[in-house]
Amino acid sequence: MAAAESGILADVRTFAPGIMLDIRYATADNFTGRPVPGYAAAKCLLHRPVAEALARVEQGLRGQGMALAVYDCYRPTVSVAAFMAWAKDADQSTKAAYYPELDKSVLVPDYIAEKSGHSKAATVDVGLLDCRTGTCRPFDMGTAFDYFGPRANTGYPQLGPAQRANRTVLLAAMAAEGFENYPMEWWHFTWRAGELPDTAYAFPIE
């Protein structure tokens, strides 16, 4: 049974139909180099209050000529297990793109968690888009999504002024709706920890 069909989670597009989804784990365009088990569809599923809060962030940014890019939301536990298996195997094919500064062996637990908050459906990975010219394009955030290394740390001291300003805009927009950032990754936010069931779900995204 799919998460949304189970009645536990809601599709964020129910509340923000135009939100831009770039769910890369449903494709081979991610740090594992292949589609991730559990992502049978490119959807953003979350507990309803979290989905509503994210929709409000999107609405507020749209009013300023910006928007969200949503990279990940609910993540099934089978997907987390696939990440852990990848972290332990010998495949280095994505190193240049995703973790050029680090050895693969140190990605756990700072960047890849054995038990992910995403599985509790209150954590999201998002970026910031500039839509002021009519076509939405990513702002320069200092790194791409899922770049594993110090430059992805939210407060990385060697960011350029524009990169720091862009991260500040995203942080403020998310914080205004109750999302707290994970300092190791500028894109990673969790909504009001402790206010929802502390349950890691297993059902696939379909």
N, C-alpha and C. Protein backbone atom coordinates (compact mmCIF):
# COMPACT_ATOMS: atom_id res chain seq x y z
N MET A 1 0.85 -1.20 0.00
CA MET A 1 0.00 0.00 0.00
C MET A 1 0.88 1.24 0.00
N ALA A 2 0.61 2.18 -0.88
CA ALA A 2 1.38 3.42 -0.93
C ALA A 2 1.12 4.26 0.30
N ALA A 3 2.10 5.11 0.63
CA ALA A 3 2.00 5.92 1.84
C ALA A 3 0.77 6.81 1.85
N ALA A 4 0.55 7.54 0.73
CA ALA A 4 -0.59 8.44 0.68
C ALA A 4 -1.90 7.66 0.78
N GLU A 5 -1.94 6.47 0.12
CA GLU A 5 -3.15 5.67 0.12
C GLU A 5 -3.44 5.10 1.50
N SER A 6 -2.40 4.95 2.31
CA SER A 6 -2.59 4.40 3.65
C SER A 6 -3.29 5.38 4.58
N GLY A 7 -3.34 6.65 4.18
CA GLY A 7 -3.96 7.67 5.03
C GLY A 7 -3.01 8.26 6.04
N ILE A 8 -1.77 7.80 6.07
CA ILE A 8 -0.81 8.32 7.04
C ILE A 8 -0.18 9.60 6.54
N LEU A 9 0.19 9.63 5.26
CA LEU A 9 0.92 10.77 4.70
C LEU A 9 0.11 11.45 3.60
N ALA A 10 0.50 12.71 3.33
CA ALA A 10 -0.16 13.50 2.30
C ALA A 10 0.86 13.89 1.24
N ASP A 11 0.39 14.05 0.02
CA ASP A 11 1.20 14.52 -1.09
C ASP A 11 1.27 16.04 -1.03
N VAL A 12 2.48 16.61 -1.00
CA VAL A 12 2.61 18.06 -0.86
C VAL A 12 1.92 18.80 -1.99
N ARG A 13 1.78 18.17 -3.17
CA ARG A 13 1.13 18.86 -4.28
C ARG A 13 -0.37 19.00 -4.08
N THR A 14 -0.91 18.35 -3.07
CA THR A 14 -2.31 18.60 -2.70
C THR A 14 -2.46 20.03 -2.20
N PHE A 15 -1.43 20.57 -1.59
CA PHE A 15 -1.47 21.91 -0.99
C PHE A 15 -0.68 22.94 -1.80
N ALA A 16 0.27 22.48 -2.61
CA ALA A 16 1.06 23.37 -3.46
C ALA A 16 1.21 22.72 -4.83
N PRO A 17 0.18 22.80 -5.67
CA PRO A 17 0.17 22.06 -6.93
C PRO A 17 1.35 22.38 -7.85
N GLY A 18 1.87 23.60 -7.78
CA GLY A 18 2.93 24.00 -8.69
C GLY A 18 4.33 23.84 -8.14
N ILE A 19 4.48 23.27 -6.97
CA ILE A 19 5.81 23.17 -6.38
C ILE A 19 6.70 22.29 -7.23
N MET A 20 7.96 22.68 -7.37
CA MET A 20 8.88 21.97 -8.25
C MET A 20 9.50 20.78 -7.52
N LEU A 21 9.23 19.58 -8.02
CA LEU A 21 9.79 18.36 -7.45
C LEU A 21 10.95 17.87 -8.31
N ASP A 22 12.07 17.61 -7.66
CA ASP A 22 13.25 17.07 -8.33
C ASP A 22 13.72 15.88 -7.49
N ILE A 23 12.89 14.85 -7.43
CA ILE A 23 13.11 13.70 -6.55
C ILE A 23 14.12 12.76 -7.22
N ARG A 24 15.37 13.01 -6.97
CA ARG A 24 16.42 12.34 -7.74
C ARG A 24 16.62 10.88 -7.36
N TYR A 25 16.18 10.49 -6.18
CA TYR A 25 16.35 9.09 -5.80
C TYR A 25 15.44 8.15 -6.58
N ALA A 26 14.47 8.71 -7.28
CA ALA A 26 13.63 7.91 -8.17
C ALA A 26 14.30 7.70 -9.53
N THR A 27 15.47 8.31 -9.72
CA THR A 27 16.22 8.21 -10.96
C THR A 27 17.65 7.76 -10.64
N ALA A 28 18.48 7.68 -11.67
CA ALA A 28 19.90 7.35 -11.47
C ALA A 28 20.74 8.58 -11.18
N ASP A 29 20.12 9.77 -11.18
CA ASP A 29 20.84 11.03 -10.96
C ASP A 29 20.96 11.30 -9.46
N ASN A 30 21.74 10.48 -8.77
CA ASN A 30 21.95 10.65 -7.33
C ASN A 30 23.29 10.01 -6.95
N PHE A 31 23.67 10.14 -5.70
CA PHE A 31 25.01 9.72 -5.31
C PHE A 31 25.25 8.22 -5.40
N THR A 32 24.19 7.41 -5.46
CA THR A 32 24.38 5.97 -5.63
C THR A 32 24.59 5.58 -7.10
N GLY A 33 24.20 6.48 -8.01
CA GLY A 33 24.34 6.20 -9.44
C GLY A 33 23.27 5.32 -10.02
N ARG A 34 22.20 5.07 -9.27
CA ARG A 34 21.12 4.21 -9.75
C ARG A 34 19.83 4.55 -9.01
N PRO A 35 18.66 4.21 -9.57
CA PRO A 35 17.42 4.44 -8.83
C PRO A 35 17.46 3.72 -7.49
N VAL A 36 16.91 4.37 -6.47
CA VAL A 36 16.98 3.84 -5.11
C VAL A 36 15.74 3.01 -4.81
N PRO A 37 15.90 1.79 -4.29
CA PRO A 37 14.73 0.98 -3.90
C PRO A 37 13.80 1.76 -2.97
N GLY A 38 12.49 1.60 -3.22
CA GLY A 38 11.49 2.32 -2.43
C GLY A 38 10.91 3.53 -3.12
N TYR A 39 11.65 4.07 -4.11
CA TYR A 39 11.20 5.25 -4.84
C TYR A 39 10.62 4.83 -6.19
N ALA A 40 9.44 4.24 -6.17
CA ALA A 40 8.79 3.83 -7.40
C ALA A 40 8.12 5.01 -8.10
N ALA A 41 7.98 6.14 -7.42
CA ALA A 41 7.40 7.35 -8.00
C ALA A 41 8.12 8.56 -7.43
N ALA A 42 8.17 9.63 -8.22
CA ALA A 42 8.85 10.86 -7.80
C ALA A 42 7.84 11.77 -7.11
N LYS A 43 7.52 11.45 -5.87
CA LYS A 43 6.53 12.21 -5.10
C LYS A 43 7.15 12.71 -3.81
N CYS A 44 6.55 13.77 -3.27
CA CYS A 44 6.91 14.29 -1.95
C CYS A 44 5.76 14.00 -1.01
N LEU A 45 5.94 13.00 -0.16
CA LEU A 45 4.94 12.61 0.83
C LEU A 45 5.42 13.01 2.22
N LEU A 46 4.50 13.58 3.01
CA LEU A 46 4.83 14.06 4.35
C LEU A 46 3.60 13.97 5.23
N HIS A 47 3.79 14.02 6.55
CA HIS A 47 2.64 14.20 7.43
C HIS A 47 1.94 15.49 7.02
N ARG A 48 0.62 15.50 7.12
CA ARG A 48 -0.16 16.64 6.61
C ARG A 48 0.31 17.99 7.16
N PRO A 49 0.55 18.16 8.46
CA PRO A 49 0.99 19.47 8.95
C PRO A 49 2.32 19.91 8.33
N VAL A 50 3.19 18.95 8.04
CA VAL A 50 4.48 19.27 7.43
C VAL A 50 4.28 19.69 5.98
N ALA A 51 3.43 18.95 5.26
CA ALA A 51 3.13 19.31 3.87
C ALA A 51 2.49 20.69 3.78
N GLU A 52 1.60 21.00 4.70
CA GLU A 52 0.96 22.31 4.71
C GLU A 52 1.97 23.41 5.00
N ALA A 53 2.88 23.15 5.94
CA ALA A 53 3.91 24.14 6.27
C ALA A 53 4.84 24.38 5.09
N LEU A 54 5.22 23.30 4.39
CA LEU A 54 6.09 23.45 3.23
C LEU A 54 5.37 24.23 2.12
N ALA A 55 4.09 24.00 1.97
CA ALA A 55 3.31 24.75 0.98
C ALA A 55 3.28 26.24 1.32
N ARG A 56 3.23 26.56 2.60
CA ARG A 56 3.26 27.98 3.00
C ARG A 56 4.62 28.61 2.71
N VAL A 57 5.70 27.84 2.90
CA VAL A 57 7.02 28.34 2.53
C VAL A 57 7.05 28.66 1.03
N GLU A 58 6.56 27.73 0.23
CA GLU A 58 6.52 27.92 -1.22
C GLU A 58 5.71 29.16 -1.59
N GLN A 59 4.56 29.33 -0.96
CA GLN A 59 3.70 30.47 -1.27
C GLN A 59 4.41 31.78 -0.93
N GLY A 60 5.07 31.82 0.22
CA GLY A 60 5.77 33.03 0.62
C GLY A 60 6.91 33.38 -0.31
N LEU A 61 7.66 32.37 -0.74
CA LEU A 61 8.76 32.62 -1.65
C LEU A 61 8.27 33.06 -3.02
N ARG A 62 7.17 32.45 -3.48
CA ARG A 62 6.61 32.84 -4.78
C ARG A 62 6.25 34.32 -4.80
N GLY A 63 5.78 34.83 -3.68
CA GLY A 63 5.46 36.24 -3.59
C GLY A 63 6.66 37.15 -3.69
N GLN A 64 7.85 36.57 -3.56
CA GLN A 64 9.10 37.34 -3.65
C GLN A 64 9.87 37.01 -4.94
N GLY A 65 9.23 36.30 -5.85
CA GLY A 65 9.90 35.96 -7.10
C GLY A 65 10.83 34.77 -6.99
N MET A 66 10.62 33.95 -5.96
CA MET A 66 11.45 32.77 -5.74
C MET A 66 10.55 31.55 -5.57
N ALA A 67 11.16 30.38 -5.41
CA ALA A 67 10.40 29.15 -5.21
C ALA A 67 11.31 28.10 -4.60
N LEU A 68 10.70 27.02 -4.18
CA LEU A 68 11.44 25.88 -3.66
C LEU A 68 11.70 24.85 -4.75
N ALA A 69 12.83 24.19 -4.66
CA ALA A 69 13.07 22.94 -5.38
C ALA A 69 13.09 21.86 -4.31
N VAL A 70 12.24 20.86 -4.44
CA VAL A 70 12.13 19.81 -3.43
C VAL A 70 12.86 18.57 -3.93
N TYR A 71 13.88 18.15 -3.18
CA TYR A 71 14.72 17.03 -3.59
C TYR A 71 14.34 15.72 -2.91
N ASP A 72 13.82 15.81 -1.71
CA ASP A 72 13.44 14.58 -1.01
C ASP A 72 12.52 14.91 0.14
N CYS A 73 11.62 13.98 0.45
CA CYS A 73 10.68 14.14 1.56
C CYS A 73 10.68 12.83 2.34
N TYR A 74 9.54 12.16 2.40
CA TYR A 74 9.50 10.85 3.06
C TYR A 74 10.42 9.87 2.33
N ARG A 75 11.19 9.12 3.14
CA ARG A 75 12.12 8.13 2.59
C ARG A 75 11.86 6.78 3.26
N PRO A 76 11.42 5.77 2.52
CA PRO A 76 11.15 4.46 3.14
C PRO A 76 12.41 3.87 3.78
N THR A 77 12.21 3.06 4.81
CA THR A 77 13.36 2.46 5.48
C THR A 77 14.16 1.54 4.56
N VAL A 78 13.51 0.95 3.55
CA VAL A 78 14.26 0.13 2.59
C VAL A 78 15.24 0.99 1.80
N SER A 79 14.90 2.24 1.57
CA SER A 79 15.79 3.16 0.87
C SER A 79 16.99 3.50 1.74
N VAL A 80 16.75 3.71 3.02
CA VAL A 80 17.83 3.98 3.96
C VAL A 80 18.80 2.79 3.99
N ALA A 81 18.25 1.59 4.00
CA ALA A 81 19.09 0.39 3.99
C ALA A 81 19.93 0.32 2.72
N ALA A 82 19.35 0.74 1.59
CA ALA A 82 20.09 0.75 0.33
C ALA A 82 21.24 1.76 0.38
N PHE A 83 21.01 2.91 1.01
CA PHE A 83 22.08 3.89 1.18
C PHE A 83 23.22 3.31 2.01
N MET A 84 22.88 2.62 3.09
CA MET A 84 23.90 2.04 3.96
C MET A 84 24.69 0.96 3.22
N ALA A 85 24.01 0.16 2.41
CA ALA A 85 24.70 -0.86 1.63
C ALA A 85 25.67 -0.22 0.64
N TRP A 86 25.23 0.87 0.00
CA TRP A 86 26.11 1.58 -0.93
C TRP A 86 27.33 2.14 -0.20
N ALA A 87 27.12 2.69 0.99
CA ALA A 87 28.22 3.29 1.74
C ALA A 87 29.30 2.27 2.09
N LYS A 88 28.91 1.00 2.14
CA LYS A 88 29.85 -0.06 2.53
C LYS A 88 30.46 -0.79 1.34
N ASP A 89 29.95 -0.55 0.12
CA ASP A 89 30.48 -1.29 -1.02
C ASP A 89 31.69 -0.55 -1.62
N ALA A 90 32.27 -1.13 -2.64
CA ALA A 90 33.51 -0.61 -3.22
C ALA A 90 33.27 0.38 -4.36
N ASP A 91 32.03 0.66 -4.70
CA ASP A 91 31.72 1.53 -5.84
C ASP A 91 32.15 2.97 -5.54
N GLN A 92 33.04 3.50 -6.39
CA GLN A 92 33.51 4.89 -6.25
C GLN A 92 33.13 5.73 -7.48
N SER A 93 32.17 5.26 -8.27
CA SER A 93 31.89 5.88 -9.56
C SER A 93 31.33 7.30 -9.44
N THR A 94 30.73 7.64 -8.31
CA THR A 94 30.14 8.98 -8.16
C THR A 94 30.98 9.90 -7.29
N LYS A 95 32.17 9.47 -6.93
CA LYS A 95 33.01 10.25 -6.01
C LYS A 95 33.28 11.66 -6.52
N ALA A 96 33.65 11.82 -7.79
CA ALA A 96 34.02 13.13 -8.31
C ALA A 96 32.87 14.13 -8.21
N ALA A 97 31.66 13.67 -8.38
CA ALA A 97 30.50 14.57 -8.37
C ALA A 97 29.97 14.83 -6.96
N TYR A 98 30.06 13.84 -6.07
CA TYR A 98 29.34 13.95 -4.80
C TYR A 98 30.22 14.01 -3.55
N TYR A 99 31.41 13.44 -3.58
CA TYR A 99 32.24 13.49 -2.36
C TYR A 99 33.73 13.54 -2.69
N PRO A 100 34.14 14.49 -3.52
CA PRO A 100 35.54 14.54 -3.95
C PRO A 100 36.53 14.83 -2.82
N GLU A 101 36.07 15.48 -1.78
CA GLU A 101 36.97 15.87 -0.68
C GLU A 101 37.08 14.82 0.41
N LEU A 102 36.22 13.81 0.39
CA LEU A 102 36.15 12.86 1.49
C LEU A 102 36.32 11.44 1.00
N ASP A 103 36.79 10.59 1.89
CA ASP A 103 36.79 9.16 1.62
C ASP A 103 35.38 8.62 1.86
N LYS A 104 34.97 7.71 1.05
CA LYS A 104 33.62 7.15 1.16
C LYS A 104 33.36 6.58 2.56
N SER A 105 34.39 6.08 3.19
CA SER A 105 34.23 5.41 4.49
C SER A 105 33.80 6.36 5.60
N VAL A 106 33.94 7.68 5.41
CA VAL A 106 33.59 8.63 6.48
C VAL A 106 32.25 9.31 6.23
N LEU A 107 31.51 8.90 5.20
CA LEU A 107 30.23 9.55 4.91
C LEU A 107 29.16 9.22 5.95
N VAL A 108 29.29 8.08 6.60
CA VAL A 108 28.39 7.69 7.69
C VAL A 108 29.08 8.05 9.01
N PRO A 109 28.41 8.75 9.95
CA PRO A 109 26.99 9.11 9.97
C PRO A 109 26.69 10.56 9.62
N ASP A 110 27.72 11.39 9.36
CA ASP A 110 27.47 12.83 9.20
C ASP A 110 26.59 13.15 8.00
N TYR A 111 26.78 12.41 6.90
CA TYR A 111 26.04 12.71 5.68
C TYR A 111 25.03 11.62 5.30
N ILE A 112 25.28 10.40 5.70
CA ILE A 112 24.35 9.30 5.46
C ILE A 112 24.06 8.63 6.79
N ALA A 113 22.80 8.69 7.22
CA ALA A 113 22.43 8.19 8.54
C ALA A 113 21.88 6.77 8.47
N GLU A 114 22.26 5.96 9.45
CA GLU A 114 21.76 4.59 9.51
C GLU A 114 20.26 4.55 9.77
N LYS A 115 19.77 5.55 10.52
CA LYS A 115 18.34 5.72 10.76
C LYS A 115 17.99 7.15 10.39
N SER A 116 17.31 7.33 9.27
CA SER A 116 17.07 8.66 8.73
C SER A 116 15.79 9.28 9.26
N GLY A 117 15.87 10.56 9.60
CA GLY A 117 14.67 11.31 9.97
C GLY A 117 13.68 11.41 8.83
N HIS A 118 14.16 11.26 7.60
CA HIS A 118 13.24 11.30 6.45
C HIS A 118 12.18 10.21 6.55
N SER A 119 12.52 9.09 7.15
CA SER A 119 11.58 7.97 7.24
C SER A 119 10.41 8.28 8.18
N LYS A 120 10.55 9.33 8.97
CA LYS A 120 9.47 9.75 9.88
C LYS A 120 8.55 10.77 9.23
N ALA A 121 8.85 11.14 7.98
CA ALA A 121 7.97 11.98 7.14
C ALA A 121 7.80 13.40 7.65
N ALA A 122 8.83 13.92 8.34
CA ALA A 122 8.80 15.31 8.76
C ALA A 122 10.07 16.04 8.36
N THR A 123 10.91 15.39 7.57
CA THR A 123 12.18 15.97 7.12
C THR A 123 12.16 16.12 5.61
N VAL A 124 12.71 17.25 5.14
CA VAL A 124 12.73 17.54 3.71
C VAL A 124 14.11 18.03 3.30
N ASP A 125 14.44 17.81 2.04
CA ASP A 125 15.63 18.38 1.41
C ASP A 125 15.15 19.33 0.33
N VAL A 126 15.56 20.59 0.44
CA VAL A 126 15.05 21.61 -0.49
C VAL A 126 16.15 22.57 -0.93
N GLY A 127 15.94 23.18 -2.08
CA GLY A 127 16.81 24.23 -2.58
C GLY A 127 15.99 25.47 -2.90
N LEU A 128 16.67 26.50 -3.36
CA LEU A 128 16.04 27.79 -3.61
C LEU A 128 16.17 28.15 -5.09
N LEU A 129 15.05 28.55 -5.69
CA LEU A 129 15.00 28.88 -7.11
C LEU A 129 14.73 30.37 -7.30
N ASP A 130 15.39 30.95 -8.31
CA ASP A 130 15.17 32.34 -8.70
C ASP A 130 14.21 32.34 -9.89
N CYS A 131 13.01 32.87 -9.68
CA CYS A 131 11.97 32.86 -10.72
C CYS A 131 11.66 34.25 -11.26
N ARG A 132 12.51 35.23 -10.97
CA ARG A 132 12.19 36.62 -11.29
C ARG A 132 12.20 36.92 -12.79
N THR A 133 12.85 36.08 -13.58
CA THR A 133 12.85 36.32 -15.03
C THR A 133 11.79 35.51 -15.75
N GLY A 134 10.99 34.76 -14.99
CA GLY A 134 9.93 33.95 -15.58
C GLY A 134 10.29 32.48 -15.65
N THR A 135 11.56 32.16 -15.80
CA THR A 135 12.03 30.78 -15.77
C THR A 135 12.78 30.55 -14.46
N CYS A 136 12.36 29.58 -13.70
CA CYS A 136 12.97 29.33 -12.39
C CYS A 136 14.30 28.60 -12.57
N ARG A 137 15.35 29.16 -11.97
CA ARG A 137 16.68 28.57 -12.02
C ARG A 137 17.26 28.51 -10.62
N PRO A 138 18.08 27.53 -10.33
CA PRO A 138 18.65 27.42 -8.98
C PRO A 138 19.55 28.61 -8.65
N PHE A 139 19.41 29.12 -7.43
CA PHE A 139 20.38 30.08 -6.91
C PHE A 139 21.70 29.35 -6.64
N ASP A 140 22.79 30.10 -6.61
CA ASP A 140 24.09 29.55 -6.22
C ASP A 140 24.11 29.39 -4.71
N MET A 141 24.09 28.14 -4.25
CA MET A 141 24.07 27.86 -2.81
C MET A 141 25.44 27.42 -2.30
N GLY A 142 26.44 27.46 -3.16
CA GLY A 142 27.77 27.07 -2.73
C GLY A 142 28.13 25.64 -3.08
N THR A 143 27.14 24.75 -3.08
CA THR A 143 27.30 23.37 -3.56
C THR A 143 25.96 22.93 -4.15
N ALA A 144 26.01 21.83 -4.87
CA ALA A 144 24.78 21.20 -5.32
C ALA A 144 24.16 20.40 -4.17
N PHE A 145 22.93 19.99 -4.34
CA PHE A 145 22.28 19.10 -3.39
C PHE A 145 23.06 17.78 -3.31
N ASP A 146 23.15 17.25 -2.09
CA ASP A 146 23.83 15.98 -1.81
C ASP A 146 25.32 16.01 -2.09
N TYR A 147 25.93 17.20 -2.03
CA TYR A 147 27.38 17.28 -2.05
C TYR A 147 27.87 16.96 -0.64
N PHE A 148 28.65 15.92 -0.50
CA PHE A 148 29.13 15.51 0.81
C PHE A 148 30.52 16.09 1.05
N GLY A 149 30.60 17.05 1.96
CA GLY A 149 31.87 17.68 2.26
C GLY A 149 31.65 18.97 3.02
N PRO A 150 32.71 19.56 3.55
CA PRO A 150 32.58 20.75 4.39
C PRO A 150 31.85 21.91 3.74
N ARG A 151 32.00 22.08 2.43
CA ARG A 151 31.33 23.21 1.76
C ARG A 151 29.82 23.13 1.84
N ALA A 152 29.28 21.93 2.10
CA ALA A 152 27.83 21.78 2.25
C ALA A 152 27.35 22.19 3.63
N ASN A 153 28.27 22.30 4.59
CA ASN A 153 27.87 22.72 5.94
C ASN A 153 27.24 24.09 5.87
N THR A 154 26.11 24.27 6.52
CA THR A 154 25.33 25.50 6.36
C THR A 154 26.14 26.75 6.66
N GLY A 155 26.96 26.72 7.68
CA GLY A 155 27.74 27.89 8.07
C GLY A 155 29.17 27.87 7.58
N TYR A 156 29.45 27.15 6.50
CA TYR A 156 30.81 27.06 5.96
C TYR A 156 31.41 28.46 5.82
N PRO A 157 32.57 28.71 6.45
CA PRO A 157 33.08 30.08 6.53
C PRO A 157 33.61 30.67 5.23
N GLN A 158 33.89 29.86 4.24
CA GLN A 158 34.50 30.37 3.01
C GLN A 158 33.50 30.55 1.87
N LEU A 159 32.23 30.63 2.20
CA LEU A 159 31.23 30.92 1.17
C LEU A 159 31.41 32.33 0.63
N GLY A 160 31.03 32.52 -0.63
CA GLY A 160 30.99 33.87 -1.17
C GLY A 160 29.80 34.63 -0.61
N PRO A 161 29.81 35.96 -0.69
CA PRO A 161 28.71 36.76 -0.12
C PRO A 161 27.34 36.38 -0.68
N ALA A 162 27.25 36.14 -1.99
CA ALA A 162 25.96 35.79 -2.59
C ALA A 162 25.51 34.41 -2.13
N GLN A 163 26.43 33.47 -2.04
CA GLN A 163 26.09 32.13 -1.58
C GLN A 163 25.59 32.16 -0.15
N ARG A 164 26.26 32.92 0.70
CA ARG A 164 25.83 33.04 2.10
C ARG A 164 24.45 33.69 2.18
N ALA A 165 24.23 34.72 1.37
CA ALA A 165 22.94 35.41 1.38
C ALA A 165 21.83 34.48 0.92
N ASN A 166 22.09 33.67 -0.10
CA ASN A 166 21.08 32.74 -0.59
C ASN A 166 20.72 31.70 0.46
N ARG A 167 21.72 31.17 1.15
CA ARG A 167 21.44 30.21 2.22
C ARG A 167 20.63 30.87 3.34
N THR A 168 20.95 32.13 3.64
CA THR A 168 20.23 32.85 4.69
C THR A 168 18.76 33.02 4.34
N VAL A 169 18.48 33.32 3.08
CA VAL A 169 17.09 33.46 2.63
C VAL A 169 16.33 32.15 2.81
N LEU A 170 16.94 31.05 2.40
CA LEU A 170 16.29 29.75 2.54
C LEU A 170 16.08 29.40 4.01
N LEU A 171 17.11 29.61 4.82
CA LEU A 171 16.99 29.32 6.26
C LEU A 171 15.85 30.10 6.90
N ALA A 172 15.77 31.39 6.57
CA ALA A 172 14.73 32.23 7.17
C ALA A 172 13.34 31.82 6.72
N ALA A 173 13.19 31.51 5.43
CA ALA A 173 11.88 31.10 4.92
C ALA A 173 11.42 29.81 5.56
N MET A 174 12.32 28.86 5.72
CA MET A 174 11.97 27.58 6.32
C MET A 174 11.72 27.73 7.82
N ALA A 175 12.55 28.49 8.50
CA ALA A 175 12.39 28.68 9.95
C ALA A 175 11.07 29.35 10.29
N ALA A 176 10.60 30.23 9.41
CA ALA A 176 9.34 30.94 9.66
C ALA A 176 8.16 29.99 9.75
N GLU A 177 8.28 28.80 9.17
CA GLU A 177 7.20 27.82 9.21
C GLU A 177 7.55 26.61 10.08
N GLY A 178 8.57 26.75 10.93
CA GLY A 178 8.85 25.72 11.92
C GLY A 178 9.87 24.68 11.51
N PHE A 179 10.61 24.91 10.43
CA PHE A 179 11.62 23.95 9.97
C PHE A 179 12.99 24.32 10.52
N GLU A 180 13.68 23.34 11.11
CA GLU A 180 15.01 23.54 11.67
C GLU A 180 16.05 22.87 10.76
N ASN A 181 17.12 23.59 10.48
CA ASN A 181 18.17 23.10 9.59
C ASN A 181 19.13 22.15 10.31
N TYR A 182 19.63 21.16 9.55
CA TYR A 182 20.72 20.29 10.00
C TYR A 182 22.02 20.95 9.57
N PRO A 183 22.89 21.35 10.49
CA PRO A 183 24.05 22.20 10.15
C PRO A 183 25.05 21.59 9.17
N MET A 184 25.06 20.27 9.00
CA MET A 184 26.00 19.65 8.08
C MET A 184 25.58 19.80 6.62
N GLU A 185 24.27 20.09 6.39
CA GLU A 185 23.73 20.14 5.03
C GLU A 185 22.77 21.32 4.90
N TRP A 186 23.10 22.27 4.06
CA TRP A 186 22.29 23.48 3.94
C TRP A 186 20.87 23.19 3.46
N TRP A 187 20.65 22.05 2.80
CA TRP A 187 19.35 21.74 2.19
C TRP A 187 18.41 20.94 3.10
N HIS A 188 18.86 20.51 4.26
CA HIS A 188 18.18 19.50 5.09
C HIS A 188 17.45 20.17 6.26
N PHE A 189 16.13 19.97 6.33
CA PHE A 189 15.30 20.62 7.34
C PHE A 189 14.29 19.63 7.95
N THR A 190 14.06 19.78 9.25
CA THR A 190 13.06 18.95 9.94
C THR A 190 12.04 19.86 10.60
N TRP A 191 10.79 19.50 10.46
CA TRP A 191 9.68 20.31 11.01
C TRP A 191 9.38 19.92 12.45
N ARG A 192 9.50 20.86 13.34
CA ARG A 192 9.03 20.76 14.74
C ARG A 192 9.20 19.37 15.33
N ALA A 193 10.45 18.99 15.48
CA ALA A 193 10.77 17.67 16.05
C ALA A 193 10.02 17.46 17.36
N GLY A 194 9.42 16.30 17.51
CA GLY A 194 8.70 15.96 18.74
C GLY A 194 7.21 16.17 18.67
N GLU A 195 6.71 16.83 17.62
CA GLU A 195 5.28 17.11 17.53
C GLU A 195 4.52 16.06 16.72
N LEU A 196 5.23 15.10 16.14
CA LEU A 196 4.60 14.07 15.32
C LEU A 196 5.05 12.69 15.80
N PRO A 197 4.37 11.62 15.37
CA PRO A 197 4.77 10.28 15.81
C PRO A 197 6.24 9.99 15.49
N ASP A 198 6.93 9.39 16.43
CA ASP A 198 8.34 9.05 16.25
C ASP A 198 8.44 7.66 15.61
N THR A 199 7.87 7.55 14.41
CA THR A 199 7.77 6.26 13.72
C THR A 199 8.48 6.33 12.38
N ALA A 200 9.35 5.38 12.11
CA ALA A 200 10.00 5.26 10.81
C ALA A 200 9.17 4.31 9.95
N TYR A 201 8.67 4.81 8.83
CA TYR A 201 7.77 4.04 7.99
C TYR A 201 8.53 3.27 6.90
N ALA A 202 7.93 2.17 6.47
CA ALA A 202 8.60 1.29 5.51
C ALA A 202 7.93 1.27 4.15
N PHE A 203 6.67 1.71 4.04
CA PHE A 203 5.96 1.52 2.77
C PHE A 203 6.61 2.34 1.65
N PRO A 204 6.61 1.78 0.43
CA PRO A 204 7.26 2.45 -0.70
C PRO A 204 6.48 3.67 -1.19
N ILE A 205 7.17 4.50 -1.94
CA ILE A 205 6.55 5.64 -2.58
C ILE A 205 6.06 5.18 -3.94
N GLU A 206 4.76 5.23 -4.15
CA GLU A 206 4.16 4.72 -5.40
C GLU A 206 3.21 5.73 -6.00
